[in-house]
PDB file of N, CA and C in Angstrom:
ATOM      1  N   MET A   1      59.939  64.539 -23.967  1.00  0.00           N
ATOM      2  CA  MET A   1      59.041  64.844 -22.867  1.00  0.00           C
ATOM      3  C   MET A   1      58.734  66.347 -22.861  1.00  0.00           C
ATOM      4  N   ALA A   2      57.480  66.656 -22.586  1.00  0.00           N
ATOM      5  CA  ALA A   2      57.026  68.043 -22.624  1.00  0.00           C
ATOM      6  C   ALA A   2      57.624  68.867 -21.490  1.00  0.00           C
ATOM      7  N   GLU A   3      57.897  70.123 -21.805  1.00  0.00           N
ATOM      8  CA  GLU A   3      58.373  71.088 -20.820  1.00  0.00           C
ATOM      9  C   GLU A   3      57.421  72.276 -20.701  1.00  0.00           C
ATOM     10  N   PHE A   4      56.516  72.399 -21.679  1.00  0.00           N
ATOM     11  CA  PHE A   4      55.607  73.540 -21.755  1.00  0.00           C
ATOM     12  C   PHE A   4      54.178  73.052 -21.969  1.00  0.00           C
ATOM     13  N   LEU A   5      53.226  73.831 -21.476  1.00  0.00           N
ATOM     14  CA  LEU A   5      51.819  73.611 -21.748  1.00  0.00           C
ATOM     15  C   LEU A   5      51.315  74.856 -22.461  1.00  0.00           C
ATOM     16  N   VAL A   6      50.764  74.683 -23.643  1.00  0.00           N
ATOM     17  CA  VAL A   6      50.322  75.815 -24.461  1.00  0.00           C
ATOM     18  C   VAL A   6      48.852  76.106 -24.163  1.00  0.00           C
ATOM     19  N   ASP A   7      48.556  77.358 -23.803  1.00  0.00           N
ATOM     20  CA  ASP A   7      47.217  77.775 -23.419  1.00  0.00           C
ATOM     21  C   ASP A   7      46.329  77.991 -24.647  1.00  0.00           C
ATOM     22  N   THR A   8      45.041  77.978 -24.405  1.00  0.00           N
ATOM     23  CA  THR A   8      44.035  78.134 -25.461  1.00  0.00           C
ATOM     24  C   THR A   8      44.231  79.422 -26.251  1.00  0.00           C
ATOM     25  N   ASN A   9      44.534  80.513 -25.576  1.00  0.00           N
ATOM     26  CA  ASN A   9      44.659  81.798 -26.274  1.00  0.00           C
ATOM     27  C   ASN A   9      45.827  81.808 -27.256  1.00  0.00           C
ATOM     28  N   VAL A  10      46.818  80.989 -27.014  1.00  0.00           N
ATOM     29  CA  VAL A  10      47.944  80.874 -27.941  1.00  0.00           C
ATOM     30  C   VAL A  10      47.511  80.053 -29.161  1.00  0.00           C
ATOM     31  N   PHE A  11      46.834  78.935 -28.912  1.00  0.00           N
ATOM     32  CA  PHE A  11      46.329  78.134 -30.029  1.00  0.00           C
ATOM     33  C   PHE A  11      45.343  78.935 -30.875  1.00  0.00           C
ATOM     34  N   SER A  12      44.572  79.799 -30.252  1.00  0.00           N
ATOM     35  CA  SER A  12      43.621  80.625 -31.000  1.00  0.00           C
ATOM     36  C   SER A  12      44.322  81.452 -32.063  1.00  0.00           C
ATOM     37  N   ARG A  13      45.486  81.962 -31.724  1.00  0.00           N
ATOM     38  CA  ARG A  13      46.255  82.745 -32.705  1.00  0.00           C
ATOM     39  C   ARG A  13      46.767  81.863 -33.840  1.00  0.00           C
ATOM     40  N   VAL A  14      47.135  80.638 -33.502  1.00  0.00           N
ATOM     41  CA  VAL A  14      47.569  79.698 -34.536  1.00  0.00           C
ATOM     42  C   VAL A  14      46.408  79.423 -35.489  1.00  0.00           C
ATOM     43  N   PHE A  15      45.214  79.170 -34.923  1.00  0.00           N
ATOM     44  CA  PHE A  15      44.053  78.819 -35.745  1.00  0.00           C
ATOM     45  C   PHE A  15      43.526  79.987 -36.560  1.00  0.00           C
ATOM     46  N   THR A  16      43.910  81.208 -36.185  1.00  0.00           N
ATOM     47  CA  THR A  16      43.514  82.357 -36.999  1.00  0.00           C
ATOM     48  C   THR A  16      44.621  82.780 -37.969  1.00  0.00           C
ATOM     49  N   GLY A  17      45.670  81.957 -38.066  1.00  0.00           N
ATOM     50  CA  GLY A  17      46.677  82.162 -39.103  1.00  0.00           C
ATOM     51  C   GLY A  17      47.929  82.911 -38.709  1.00  0.00           C
ATOM     52  N   ASP A  18      48.203  83.077 -37.435  1.00  0.00           N
ATOM     53  CA  ASP A  18      49.412  83.770 -37.005  1.00  0.00           C
ATOM     54  C   ASP A  18      50.620  82.832 -37.151  1.00  0.00           C
ATOM     55  N   LYS A  19      51.356  83.011 -38.232  1.00  0.00           N
ATOM     56  CA  LYS A  19      52.476  82.121 -38.543  1.00  0.00           C
ATOM     57  C   LYS A  19      53.628  82.250 -37.553  1.00  0.00           C
ATOM     58  N   ASN A  20      53.852  83.442 -37.024  1.00  0.00           N
ATOM     59  CA  ASN A  20      54.938  83.634 -36.060  1.00  0.00           C
ATOM     60  C   ASN A  20      54.688  82.846 -34.778  1.00  0.00           C
ATOM     61  N   VAL A  21      53.466  82.887 -34.296  1.00  0.00           N
ATOM     62  CA  VAL A  21      53.129  82.143 -33.082  1.00  0.00           C
ATOM     63  C   VAL A  21      53.195  80.647 -33.360  1.00  0.00           C
ATOM     64  N   LYS A  22      52.698  80.242 -34.507  1.00  0.00           N
ATOM     65  CA  LYS A  22      52.728  78.821 -34.881  1.00  0.00           C
ATOM     66  C   LYS A  22      54.168  78.320 -34.923  1.00  0.00           C
ATOM     67  N   GLU A  23      55.035  79.049 -35.568  1.00  0.00           N
ATOM     68  CA  GLU A  23      56.446  78.655 -35.638  1.00  0.00           C
ATOM     69  C   GLU A  23      57.075  78.606 -34.247  1.00  0.00           C
ATOM     70  N   PHE A  24      56.722  79.570 -33.403  1.00  0.00           N
ATOM     71  CA  PHE A  24      57.279  79.611 -32.057  1.00  0.00           C
ATOM     72  C   PHE A  24      56.881  78.376 -31.252  1.00  0.00           C
ATOM     73  N   ILE A  25      55.589  78.068 -31.197  1.00  0.00           N
ATOM     74  CA  ILE A  25      55.179  76.950 -30.346  1.00  0.00           C
ATOM     75  C   ILE A  25      55.628  75.605 -30.911  1.00  0.00           C
ATOM     76  N   GLU A  26      55.820  75.545 -32.212  1.00  0.00           N
ATOM     77  CA  GLU A  26      56.276  74.288 -32.795  1.00  0.00           C
ATOM     78  C   GLU A  26      57.751  74.012 -32.526  1.00  0.00           C
ATOM     79  N   THR A  27      58.467  74.990 -31.975  1.00  0.00           N
ATOM     80  CA  THR A  27      59.860  74.759 -31.573  1.00  0.00           C
ATOM     81  C   THR A  27      59.949  74.257 -30.135  1.00  0.00           C
ATOM     82  N   LEU A  28      58.830  74.320 -29.412  1.00  0.00           N
ATOM     83  CA  LEU A  28      58.832  73.959 -27.997  1.00  0.00           C
ATOM     84  C   LEU A  28      58.463  72.491 -27.785  1.00  0.00           C
ATOM     85  N   PRO A  29      59.100  71.835 -26.807  1.00  0.00           N
ATOM     86  CA  PRO A  29      58.620  70.514 -26.396  1.00  0.00           C
ATOM     87  C   PRO A  29      57.358  70.729 -25.540  1.00  0.00           C
ATOM     88  N   ALA A  30      56.208  70.728 -26.202  1.00  0.00           N
ATOM     89  CA  ALA A  30      54.980  71.179 -25.557  1.00  0.00           C
ATOM     90  C   ALA A  30      53.905  70.102 -25.508  1.00  0.00           C
ATOM     91  N   ALA A  31      52.981  70.320 -24.583  1.00  0.00           N
ATOM     92  CA  ALA A  31      51.830  69.449 -24.407  1.00  0.00           C
ATOM     93  C   ALA A  31      50.572  70.301 -24.403  1.00  0.00           C
ATOM     94  N   VAL A  32      49.448  69.620 -24.446  1.00  0.00           N
ATOM     95  CA  VAL A  32      48.140  70.244 -24.297  1.00  0.00           C
ATOM     96  C   VAL A  32      47.377  69.405 -23.268  1.00  0.00           C
ATOM     97  N   CYS A  33      46.614  70.059 -22.407  1.00  0.00           N
ATOM     98  CA  CYS A  33      45.823  69.304 -21.434  1.00  0.00           C
ATOM     99  C   CYS A  33      44.386  69.193 -21.939  1.00  0.00           C
ATOM    100  N   ILE A  34      43.647  68.326 -21.322  1.00  0.00           N
ATOM    101  CA  ILE A  34      42.281  68.071 -21.760  1.00  0.00           C
ATOM    102  C   ILE A  34      41.424  69.333 -21.718  1.00  0.00           C
ATOM    103  N   VAL A  35      41.642  70.205 -20.748  1.00  0.00           N
ATOM    104  CA  VAL A  35      40.855  71.438 -20.636  1.00  0.00           C
ATOM    105  C   VAL A  35      41.108  72.338 -21.846  1.00  0.00           C
ATOM    106  N   ILE A  36      42.359  72.530 -22.193  1.00  0.00           N
ATOM    107  CA  ILE A  36      42.715  73.374 -23.338  1.00  0.00           C
ATOM    108  C   ILE A  36      42.211  72.739 -24.632  1.00  0.00           C
ATOM    109  N   TYR A  37      42.345  71.434 -24.745  1.00  0.00           N
ATOM    110  CA  TYR A  37      41.866  70.704 -25.927  1.00  0.00           C
ATOM    111  C   TYR A  37      40.371  70.957 -26.121  1.00  0.00           C
ATOM    112  N   VAL A  38      39.599  70.805 -25.044  1.00  0.00           N
ATOM    113  CA  VAL A  38      38.154  71.002 -25.131  1.00  0.00           C
ATOM    114  C   VAL A  38      37.816  72.464 -25.424  1.00  0.00           C
ATOM    115  N   GLU A  39      38.524  73.405 -24.802  1.00  0.00           N
ATOM    116  CA  GLU A  39      38.276  74.822 -25.096  1.00  0.00           C
ATOM    117  C   GLU A  39      38.518  75.128 -26.569  1.00  0.00           C
ATOM    118  N   CYS A  40      39.550  74.546 -27.146  1.00  0.00           N
ATOM    119  CA  CYS A  40      39.825  74.749 -28.573  1.00  0.00           C
ATOM    120  C   CYS A  40      38.701  74.170 -29.430  1.00  0.00           C
ATOM    121  N   LEU A  41      38.211  73.012 -29.072  1.00  0.00           N
ATOM    122  CA  LEU A  41      37.078  72.423 -29.806  1.00  0.00           C
ATOM    123  C   LEU A  41      35.834  73.287 -29.688  1.00  0.00           C
ATOM    124  N   GLN A  42      35.564  73.784 -28.483  1.00  0.00           N
ATOM    125  CA  GLN A  42      34.387  74.624 -28.280  1.00  0.00           C
ATOM    126  C   GLN A  42      34.442  75.903 -29.105  1.00  0.00           C
ATOM    127  N   GLY A  43      35.638  76.386 -29.362  1.00  0.00           N
ATOM    128  CA  GLY A  43      35.789  77.599 -30.160  1.00  0.00           C
ATOM    129  C   GLY A  43      35.612  77.376 -31.651  1.00  0.00           C
ATOM    130  N   SER A  44      35.507  76.139 -32.059  1.00  0.00           N
ATOM    131  CA  SER A  44      35.328  75.819 -33.476  1.00  0.00           C
ATOM    132  C   SER A  44      33.910  76.165 -33.906  1.00  0.00           C
ATOM    133  N   LYS A  45      33.804  76.733 -35.097  1.00  0.00           N
ATOM    134  CA  LYS A  45      32.514  77.179 -35.589  1.00  0.00           C
ATOM    135  C   LYS A  45      31.804  76.140 -36.458  1.00  0.00           C
ATOM    136  N   SER A  46      32.500  75.067 -36.789  1.00  0.00           N
ATOM    137  CA  SER A  46      31.900  74.036 -37.635  1.00  0.00           C
ATOM    138  C   SER A  46      32.599  72.706 -37.369  1.00  0.00           C
ATOM    139  N   ASN A  47      31.996  71.637 -37.857  1.00  0.00           N
ATOM    140  CA  ASN A  47      32.625  70.328 -37.734  1.00  0.00           C
ATOM    141  C   ASN A  47      33.932  70.279 -38.505  1.00  0.00           C
ATOM    142  N   ARG A  48      34.000  70.990 -39.627  1.00  0.00           N
ATOM    143  CA  ARG A  48      35.250  71.063 -40.399  1.00  0.00           C
ATOM    144  C   ARG A  48      36.356  71.705 -39.570  1.00  0.00           C
ATOM    145  N   GLU A  49      36.033  72.804 -38.889  1.00  0.00           N
ATOM    146  CA  GLU A  49      37.016  73.458 -38.020  1.00  0.00           C
ATOM    147  C   GLU A  49      37.447  72.529 -36.889  1.00  0.00           C
ATOM    148  N   LYS A  50      36.510  71.780 -36.333  1.00  0.00           N
ATOM    149  CA  LYS A  50      36.857  70.825 -35.272  1.00  0.00           C
ATOM    150  C   LYS A  50      37.883  69.808 -35.775  1.00  0.00           C
ATOM    151  N   LEU A  51      37.713  69.341 -36.997  1.00  0.00           N
ATOM    152  CA  LEU A  51      38.662  68.391 -37.569  1.00  0.00           C
ATOM    153  C   LEU A  51      40.045  69.017 -37.731  1.00  0.00           C
ATOM    154  N   ILE A  52      40.080  70.267 -38.156  1.00  0.00           N
ATOM    155  CA  ILE A  52      41.356  70.986 -38.312  1.00  0.00           C
ATOM    156  C   ILE A  52      42.032  71.146 -36.943  1.00  0.00           C
ATOM    157  N   VAL A  53      41.248  71.550 -35.954  1.00  0.00           N
ATOM    158  CA  VAL A  53      41.775  71.738 -34.594  1.00  0.00           C
ATOM    159  C   VAL A  53      42.323  70.419 -34.058  1.00  0.00           C
ATOM    160  N   GLU A  54      41.540  69.355 -34.168  1.00  0.00           N
ATOM    161  CA  GLU A  54      41.983  68.064 -33.632  1.00  0.00           C
ATOM    162  C   GLU A  54      43.202  67.538 -34.372  1.00  0.00           C
ATOM    163  N   SER A  55      43.247  67.762 -35.661  1.00  0.00           N
ATOM    164  CA  SER A  55      44.404  67.327 -36.441  1.00  0.00           C
ATOM    165  C   SER A  55      45.666  68.060 -35.983  1.00  0.00           C
ATOM    166  N   TYR A  56      45.547  69.356 -35.738  1.00  0.00           N
ATOM    167  CA  TYR A  56      46.701  70.128 -35.301  1.00  0.00           C
ATOM    168  C   TYR A  56      47.120  69.746 -33.880  1.00  0.00           C
ATOM    169  N   LEU A  57      46.155  69.622 -32.983  1.00  0.00           N
ATOM    170  CA  LEU A  57      46.479  69.320 -31.583  1.00  0.00           C
ATOM    171  C   LEU A  57      47.062  67.922 -31.410  1.00  0.00           C
ATOM    172  N   ALA A  58      46.852  67.053 -32.367  1.00  0.00           N
ATOM    173  CA  ALA A  58      47.373  65.684 -32.282  1.00  0.00           C
ATOM    174  C   ALA A  58      48.896  65.643 -32.227  1.00  0.00           C
ATOM    175  N   ARG A  59      49.548  66.712 -32.654  1.00  0.00           N
ATOM    176  CA  ARG A  59      51.021  66.746 -32.622  1.00  0.00           C
ATOM    177  C   ARG A  59      51.578  66.945 -31.214  1.00  0.00           C
ATOM    178  N   PHE A  60      50.713  67.313 -30.268  1.00  0.00           N
ATOM    179  CA  PHE A  60      51.140  67.590 -28.900  1.00  0.00           C
ATOM    180  C   PHE A  60      50.724  66.445 -27.982  1.00  0.00           C
ATOM    181  N   GLU A  61      51.558  66.199 -26.974  1.00  0.00           N
ATOM    182  CA  GLU A  61      51.201  65.224 -25.951  1.00  0.00           C
ATOM    183  C   GLU A  61      49.925  65.693 -25.252  1.00  0.00           C
ATOM    184  N   LEU A  62      48.965  64.798 -25.064  1.00  0.00           N
ATOM    185  CA  LEU A  62      47.708  65.135 -24.402  1.00  0.00           C
ATOM    186  C   LEU A  62      47.756  64.660 -22.953  1.00  0.00           C
ATOM    187  N   LEU A  63      47.601  65.604 -22.027  1.00  0.00           N
ATOM    188  CA  LEU A  63      47.633  65.296 -20.596  1.00  0.00           C
ATOM    189  C   LEU A  63      46.218  65.277 -20.041  1.00  0.00           C
ATOM    190  N   GLY A  64      45.854  64.165 -19.450  1.00  0.00           N
ATOM    191  CA  GLY A  64      44.521  64.018 -18.866  1.00  0.00           C
ATOM    192  C   GLY A  64      44.483  64.465 -17.418  1.00  0.00           C
ATOM    193  N   LEU A  65      43.294  64.387 -16.859  1.00  0.00           N
ATOM    194  CA  LEU A  65      43.111  64.729 -15.454  1.00  0.00           C
ATOM    195  C   LEU A  65      43.472  63.524 -14.597  1.00  0.00           C
ATOM    196  N   THR A  66      44.103  63.798 -13.480  1.00  0.00           N
ATOM    197  CA  THR A  66      44.472  62.753 -12.526  1.00  0.00           C
ATOM    198  C   THR A  66      43.940  63.150 -11.156  1.00  0.00           C
ATOM    199  N   THR A  67      44.013  62.236 -10.231  1.00  0.00           N
ATOM    200  CA  THR A  67      43.615  62.541  -8.853  1.00  0.00           C
ATOM    201  C   THR A  67      44.474  63.661  -8.284  1.00  0.00           C
ATOM    202  N   ASP A  68      45.778  63.631  -8.578  1.00  0.00           N
ATOM    203  CA  ASP A  68      46.669  64.685  -8.067  1.00  0.00           C
ATOM    204  C   ASP A  68      46.322  66.049  -8.655  1.00  0.00           C
ATOM    205  N   ILE A  69      45.996  66.093  -9.948  1.00  0.00           N
ATOM    206  CA  ILE A  69      45.601  67.362 -10.576  1.00  0.00           C
ATOM    207  C   ILE A  69      44.294  67.851  -9.969  1.00  0.00           C
ATOM    208  N   SER A  70      43.366  66.942  -9.743  1.00  0.00           N
ATOM    209  CA  SER A  70      42.083  67.318  -9.132  1.00  0.00           C
ATOM    210  C   SER A  70      42.282  67.881  -7.732  1.00  0.00           C
ATOM    211  N   THR A  71      43.115  67.223  -6.938  1.00  0.00           N
ATOM    212  CA  THR A  71      43.394  67.691  -5.579  1.00  0.00           C
ATOM    213  C   THR A  71      44.072  69.057  -5.602  1.00  0.00           C
ATOM    214  N   ARG A  72      45.016  69.228  -6.500  1.00  0.00           N
ATOM    215  CA  ARG A  72      45.720  70.518  -6.626  1.00  0.00           C
ATOM    216  C   ARG A  72      44.746  71.605  -7.083  1.00  0.00           C
ATOM    217  N   THR A  73      43.835  71.271  -7.985  1.00  0.00           N
ATOM    218  CA  THR A  73      42.839  72.235  -8.454  1.00  0.00           C
ATOM    219  C   THR A  73      41.965  72.711  -7.303  1.00  0.00           C
ATOM    220  N   ILE A  74      41.516  71.796  -6.481  1.00  0.00           N
ATOM    221  CA  ILE A  74      40.706  72.163  -5.317  1.00  0.00           C
ATOM    222  C   ILE A  74      41.475  73.121  -4.413  1.00  0.00           C
ATOM    223  N   ASP A  75      42.745  72.832  -4.192  1.00  0.00           N
ATOM    224  CA  ASP A  75      43.579  73.692  -3.355  1.00  0.00           C
ATOM    225  C   ASP A  75      43.735  75.083  -3.975  1.00  0.00           C
ATOM    226  N   LEU A  76      43.934  75.128  -5.276  1.00  0.00           N
ATOM    227  CA  LEU A  76      44.085  76.426  -5.953  1.00  0.00           C
ATOM    228  C   LEU A  76      42.795  77.240  -5.878  1.00  0.00           C
ATOM    229  N   ILE A  77      41.669  76.593  -6.082  1.00  0.00           N
ATOM    230  CA  ILE A  77      40.383  77.296  -5.976  1.00  0.00           C
ATOM    231  C   ILE A  77      40.181  77.794  -4.546  1.00  0.00           C
ATOM    232  N   ARG A  78      40.481  76.959  -3.586  1.00  0.00           N
ATOM    233  CA  ARG A  78      40.359  77.339  -2.176  1.00  0.00           C
ATOM    234  C   ARG A  78      41.242  78.559  -1.869  1.00  0.00           C
ATOM    235  N   THR A  79      42.433  78.584  -2.429  1.00  0.00           N
ATOM    236  CA  THR A  79      43.405  79.633  -2.125  1.00  0.00           C
ATOM    237  C   THR A  79      43.163  80.919  -2.914  1.00  0.00           C
ATOM    238  N   TYR A  80      42.789  80.805  -4.193  1.00  0.00           N
ATOM    239  CA  TYR A  80      42.810  81.986  -5.067  1.00  0.00           C
ATOM    240  C   TYR A  80      41.467  82.432  -5.658  1.00  0.00           C
ATOM    241  N   SER A  81      40.405  81.665  -5.496  1.00  0.00           N
ATOM    242  CA  SER A  81      39.164  82.068  -6.175  1.00  0.00           C
ATOM    243  C   SER A  81      38.578  83.359  -5.599  1.00  0.00           C
ATOM    244  N   ASN A  82      38.604  83.517  -4.306  1.00  0.00           N
ATOM    245  CA  ASN A  82      38.048  84.730  -3.707  1.00  0.00           C
ATOM    246  C   ASN A  82      38.998  85.912  -3.821  1.00  0.00           C
ATOM    247  N   THR A  83      40.280  85.674  -3.617  1.00  0.00           N
ATOM    248  CA  THR A  83      41.241  86.778  -3.590  1.00  0.00           C
ATOM    249  C   THR A  83      41.662  87.243  -4.978  1.00  0.00           C
ATOM    250  N   HIS A  84      41.688  86.334  -5.957  1.00  0.00           N
ATOM    251  CA  HIS A  84      42.178  86.683  -7.287  1.00  0.00           C
ATOM    252  C   HIS A  84      41.216  86.329  -8.417  1.00  0.00           C
ATOM    253  N   GLY A  85      40.069  85.783  -8.083  1.00  0.00           N
ATOM    254  CA  GLY A  85      39.076  85.456  -9.102  1.00  0.00           C
ATOM    255  C   GLY A  85      39.442  84.268  -9.971  1.00  0.00           C
ATOM    256  N   LEU A  86      40.260  83.360  -9.449  1.00  0.00           N
ATOM    257  CA  LEU A  86      40.661  82.189 -10.227  1.00  0.00           C
ATOM    258  C   LEU A  86      39.439  81.352 -10.572  1.00  0.00           C
ATOM    259  N   LEU A  87      39.291  81.033 -11.857  1.00  0.00           N
ATOM    260  CA  LEU A  87      38.168  80.244 -12.348  1.00  0.00           C
ATOM    261  C   LEU A  87      38.572  78.789 -12.535  1.00  0.00           C
ATOM    262  N   LEU A  88      37.585  77.914 -12.628  1.00  0.00           N
ATOM    263  CA  LEU A  88      37.827  76.479 -12.686  1.00  0.00           C
ATOM    264  C   LEU A  88      38.775  76.080 -13.815  1.00  0.00           C
ATOM    265  N   ALA A  89      38.509  76.518 -15.035  1.00  0.00           N
ATOM    266  CA  ALA A  89      39.358  76.094 -16.157  1.00  0.00           C
ATOM    267  C   ALA A  89      40.807  76.517 -15.937  1.00  0.00           C
ATOM    268  N   ASP A  90      41.018  77.743 -15.482  1.00  0.00           N
ATOM    269  CA  ASP A  90      42.384  78.221 -15.238  1.00  0.00           C
ATOM    270  C   ASP A  90      43.030  77.465 -14.078  1.00  0.00           C
ATOM    271  N   ALA A  91      42.248  77.111 -13.077  1.00  0.00           N
ATOM    272  CA  ALA A  91      42.790  76.329 -11.962  1.00  0.00           C
ATOM    273  C   ALA A  91      43.215  74.945 -12.435  1.00  0.00           C
ATOM    274  N   LEU A  92      42.427  74.323 -13.293  1.00  0.00           N
ATOM    275  CA  LEU A  92      42.788  73.018 -13.852  1.00  0.00           C
ATOM    276  C   LEU A  92      44.064  73.107 -14.694  1.00  0.00           C
ATOM    277  N   ILE A  93      44.182  74.163 -15.474  1.00  0.00           N
ATOM    278  CA  ILE A  93      45.371  74.365 -16.299  1.00  0.00           C
ATOM    279  C   ILE A  93      46.600  74.585 -15.413  1.00  0.00           C
ATOM    280  N   ALA A  94      46.464  75.449 -14.420  1.00  0.00           N
ATOM    281  CA  ALA A  94      47.590  75.710 -13.510  1.00  0.00           C
ATOM    282  C   ALA A  94      47.978  74.439 -12.755  1.00  0.00           C
ATOM    283  N   ALA A  95      46.990  73.697 -12.275  1.00  0.00           N
ATOM    284  CA  ALA A  95      47.275  72.460 -11.543  1.00  0.00           C
ATOM    285  C   ALA A  95      47.995  71.448 -12.431  1.00  0.00           C
ATOM    286  N   THR A  96      47.606  71.372 -13.687  1.00  0.00           N
ATOM    287  CA  THR A  96      48.274  70.465 -14.626  1.00  0.00           C
ATOM    288  C   THR A  96      49.735  70.856 -14.787  1.00  0.00           C
ATOM    289  N   CYS A  97      49.987  72.147 -14.934  1.00  0.00           N
ATOM    290  CA  CYS A  97      51.377  72.620 -15.048  1.00  0.00           C
ATOM    291  C   CYS A  97      52.174  72.284 -13.797  1.00  0.00           C
ATOM    292  N   LEU A  98      51.601  72.560 -12.665  1.00  0.00           N
ATOM    293  CA  LEU A  98      52.314  72.324 -11.407  1.00  0.00           C
ATOM    294  C   LEU A  98      52.592  70.834 -11.200  1.00  0.00           C
ATOM    295  N   GLU A  99      51.626  69.993 -11.484  1.00  0.00           N
ATOM    296  CA  GLU A  99      51.794  68.551 -11.272  1.00  0.00           C
ATOM    297  C   GLU A  99      52.794  67.925 -12.250  1.00  0.00           C
ATOM    298  N   HIS A 100      52.882  68.482 -13.455  1.00  0.00           N
ATOM    299  CA  HIS A 100      53.802  67.939 -14.464  1.00  0.00           C
ATOM    300  C   HIS A 100      55.085  68.764 -14.589  1.00  0.00           C
ATOM    301  N   ASN A 101      55.237  69.780 -13.726  1.00  0.00           N
ATOM    302  CA  ASN A 101      56.413  70.646 -13.739  1.00  0.00           C
ATOM    303  C   ASN A 101      56.615  71.297 -15.119  1.00  0.00           C
ATOM    304  N   LEU A 102      55.528  71.869 -15.645  1.00  0.00           N
ATOM    305  CA  LEU A 102      55.551  72.505 -16.960  1.00  0.00           C
ATOM    306  C   LEU A 102      55.468  74.023 -16.832  1.00  0.00           C
ATOM    307  N   THR A 103      56.005  74.703 -17.822  1.00  0.00           N
ATOM    308  CA  THR A 103      55.864  76.149 -17.944  1.00  0.00           C
ATOM    309  C   THR A 103      54.655  76.424 -18.827  1.00  0.00           C
ATOM    310  N   LEU A 104      53.758  77.283 -18.371  1.00  0.00           N
ATOM    311  CA  LEU A 104      52.567  77.629 -19.131  1.00  0.00           C
ATOM    312  C   LEU A 104      52.895  78.714 -20.148  1.00  0.00           C
ATOM    313  N   VAL A 105      52.574  78.463 -21.409  1.00  0.00           N
ATOM    314  CA  VAL A 105      52.747  79.437 -22.477  1.00  0.00           C
ATOM    315  C   VAL A 105      51.393  80.101 -22.687  1.00  0.00           C
ATOM    316  N   THR A 106      51.286  81.385 -22.328  1.00  0.00           N
ATOM    317  CA  THR A 106      50.004  82.079 -22.372  1.00  0.00           C
ATOM    318  C   THR A 106      50.179  83.567 -22.613  1.00  0.00           C
ATOM    319  N   TYR A 107      49.158  84.169 -23.216  1.00  0.00           N
ATOM    320  CA  TYR A 107      49.107  85.621 -23.318  1.00  0.00           C
ATOM    321  C   TYR A 107      48.399  86.217 -22.097  1.00  0.00           C
ATOM    322  N   ASN A 108      47.688  85.400 -21.356  1.00  0.00           N
ATOM    323  CA  ASN A 108      46.913  85.864 -20.205  1.00  0.00           C
ATOM    324  C   ASN A 108      47.695  85.704 -18.904  1.00  0.00           C
ATOM    325  N   ILE A 109      48.809  86.370 -18.816  1.00  0.00           N
ATOM    326  CA  ILE A 109      49.665  86.288 -17.633  1.00  0.00           C
ATOM    327  C   ILE A 109      48.890  86.678 -16.374  1.00  0.00           C
ATOM    328  N   ASN A 110      48.038  87.700 -16.469  1.00  0.00           N
ATOM    329  CA  ASN A 110      47.299  88.178 -15.294  1.00  0.00           C
ATOM    330  C   ASN A 110      46.410  87.114 -14.680  1.00  0.00           C
ATOM    331  N   ASP A 111      45.971  86.150 -15.486  1.00  0.00           N
ATOM    332  CA  ASP A 111      45.102  85.089 -14.969  1.00  0.00           C
ATOM    333  C   ASP A 111      45.858  84.090 -14.098  1.00  0.00           C
ATOM    334  N   PHE A 112      47.205  84.121 -14.160  1.00  0.00           N
ATOM    335  CA  PHE A 112      47.998  83.085 -13.504  1.00  0.00           C
ATOM    336  C   PHE A 112      49.142  83.595 -12.626  1.00  0.00           C
ATOM    337  N   GLN A 113      49.536  84.844 -12.748  1.00  0.00           N
ATOM    338  CA  GLN A 113      50.772  85.318 -12.125  1.00  0.00           C
ATOM    339  C   GLN A 113      50.794  85.196 -10.609  1.00  0.00           C
ATOM    340  N   PHE A 114      49.671  85.078  -9.983  1.00  0.00           N
ATOM    341  CA  PHE A 114      49.586  84.984  -8.522  1.00  0.00           C
ATOM    342  C   PHE A 114      49.722  83.551  -8.011  1.00  0.00           C
ATOM    343  N   VAL A 115      49.696  82.572  -8.910  1.00  0.00           N
ATOM    344  CA  VAL A 115      49.756  81.173  -8.485  1.00  0.00           C
ATOM    345  C   VAL A 115      51.192  80.832  -8.100  1.00  0.00           C
ATOM    346  N   GLU A 116      51.385  80.566  -6.831  1.00  0.00           N
ATOM    347  CA  GLU A 116      52.718  80.283  -6.310  1.00  0.00           C
ATOM    348  C   GLU A 116      53.311  79.033  -6.962  1.00  0.00           C
ATOM    349  N   GLY A 117      54.535  79.184  -7.471  1.00  0.00           N
ATOM    350  CA  GLY A 117      55.254  78.066  -8.058  1.00  0.00           C
ATOM    351  C   GLY A 117      54.996  77.851  -9.537  1.00  0.00           C
ATOM    352  N   LEU A 118      54.013  78.552 -10.098  1.00  0.00           N
ATOM    353  CA  LEU A 118      53.700  78.382 -11.520  1.00  0.00           C
ATOM    354  C   LEU A 118      54.637  79.230 -12.374  1.00  0.00           C
ATOM    355  N   ARG A 119      55.266  78.584 -13.341  1.00  0.00           N
ATOM    356  CA  ARG A 119      56.106  79.302 -14.308  1.00  0.00           C
ATOM    357  C   ARG A 119      55.283  79.574 -15.548  1.00  0.00           C
ATOM    358  N   TYR A 120      55.499  80.731 -16.148  1.00  0.00           N
ATOM    359  CA  TYR A 120      54.763  81.068 -17.355  1.00  0.00           C
ATOM    360  C   TYR A 120      55.665  81.822 -18.315  1.00  0.00           C
ATOM    361  N   LEU A 121      55.289  81.766 -19.579  1.00  0.00           N
ATOM    362  CA  LEU A 121      56.051  82.394 -20.651  1.00  0.00           C
ATOM    363  C   LEU A 121      55.059  83.022 -21.610  1.00  0.00           C
ATOM    364  N   LYS A 122      55.263  84.298 -21.903  1.00  0.00           N
ATOM    365  CA  LYS A 122      54.409  84.974 -22.878  1.00  0.00           C
ATOM    366  C   LYS A 122      55.075  84.850 -24.252  1.00  0.00           C
ATOM    367  N   PRO A 123      54.367  84.247 -25.214  1.00  0.00           N
ATOM    368  CA  PRO A 123      54.969  84.095 -26.552  1.00  0.00           C
ATOM    369  C   PRO A 123      55.055  85.433 -27.280  1.00  0.00           C
ATOM    370  N   PRO A 124      55.761  85.463 -28.391  1.00  0.00           N
ATOM    371  CA  PRO A 124      55.852  86.710 -29.144  1.00  0.00           C
ATOM    372  C   PRO A 124      54.484  87.138 -29.656  1.00  0.00           C
ATOM    373  N   VAL A 125      54.325  88.438 -29.799  1.00  0.00           N
ATOM    374  CA  VAL A 125      53.056  88.989 -30.294  1.00  0.00           C
ATOM    375  C   VAL A 125      53.080  89.071 -31.803  1.00  0.00           C
TER     376      VAL A 125
END
């Protein structure tokens, strides 16, 4: 069972060949949510890259959107969008972590550090 959710910016380093980050995340019991999955696909420059991305992401549990995640996302946007600039994709990611009791693995700590109850981990550089 997953304990971590790996953010798009971490996968980006894997897809650009950072072996240290790849080795690190592959030691974690980790998942990917639909938002991160789609962001990774959108970052692909060709259909070939999309196939590589999807092949790699297949090793992680895929978490979909639920009513509880949607409700939590609305609450997070209501609470943090004006005061901290929380955006929809980040709210969906944070809500997924909170609903599944996961630690978010991200380099963008500033995008999430204000979310009450959210645990996060910055991977090695």
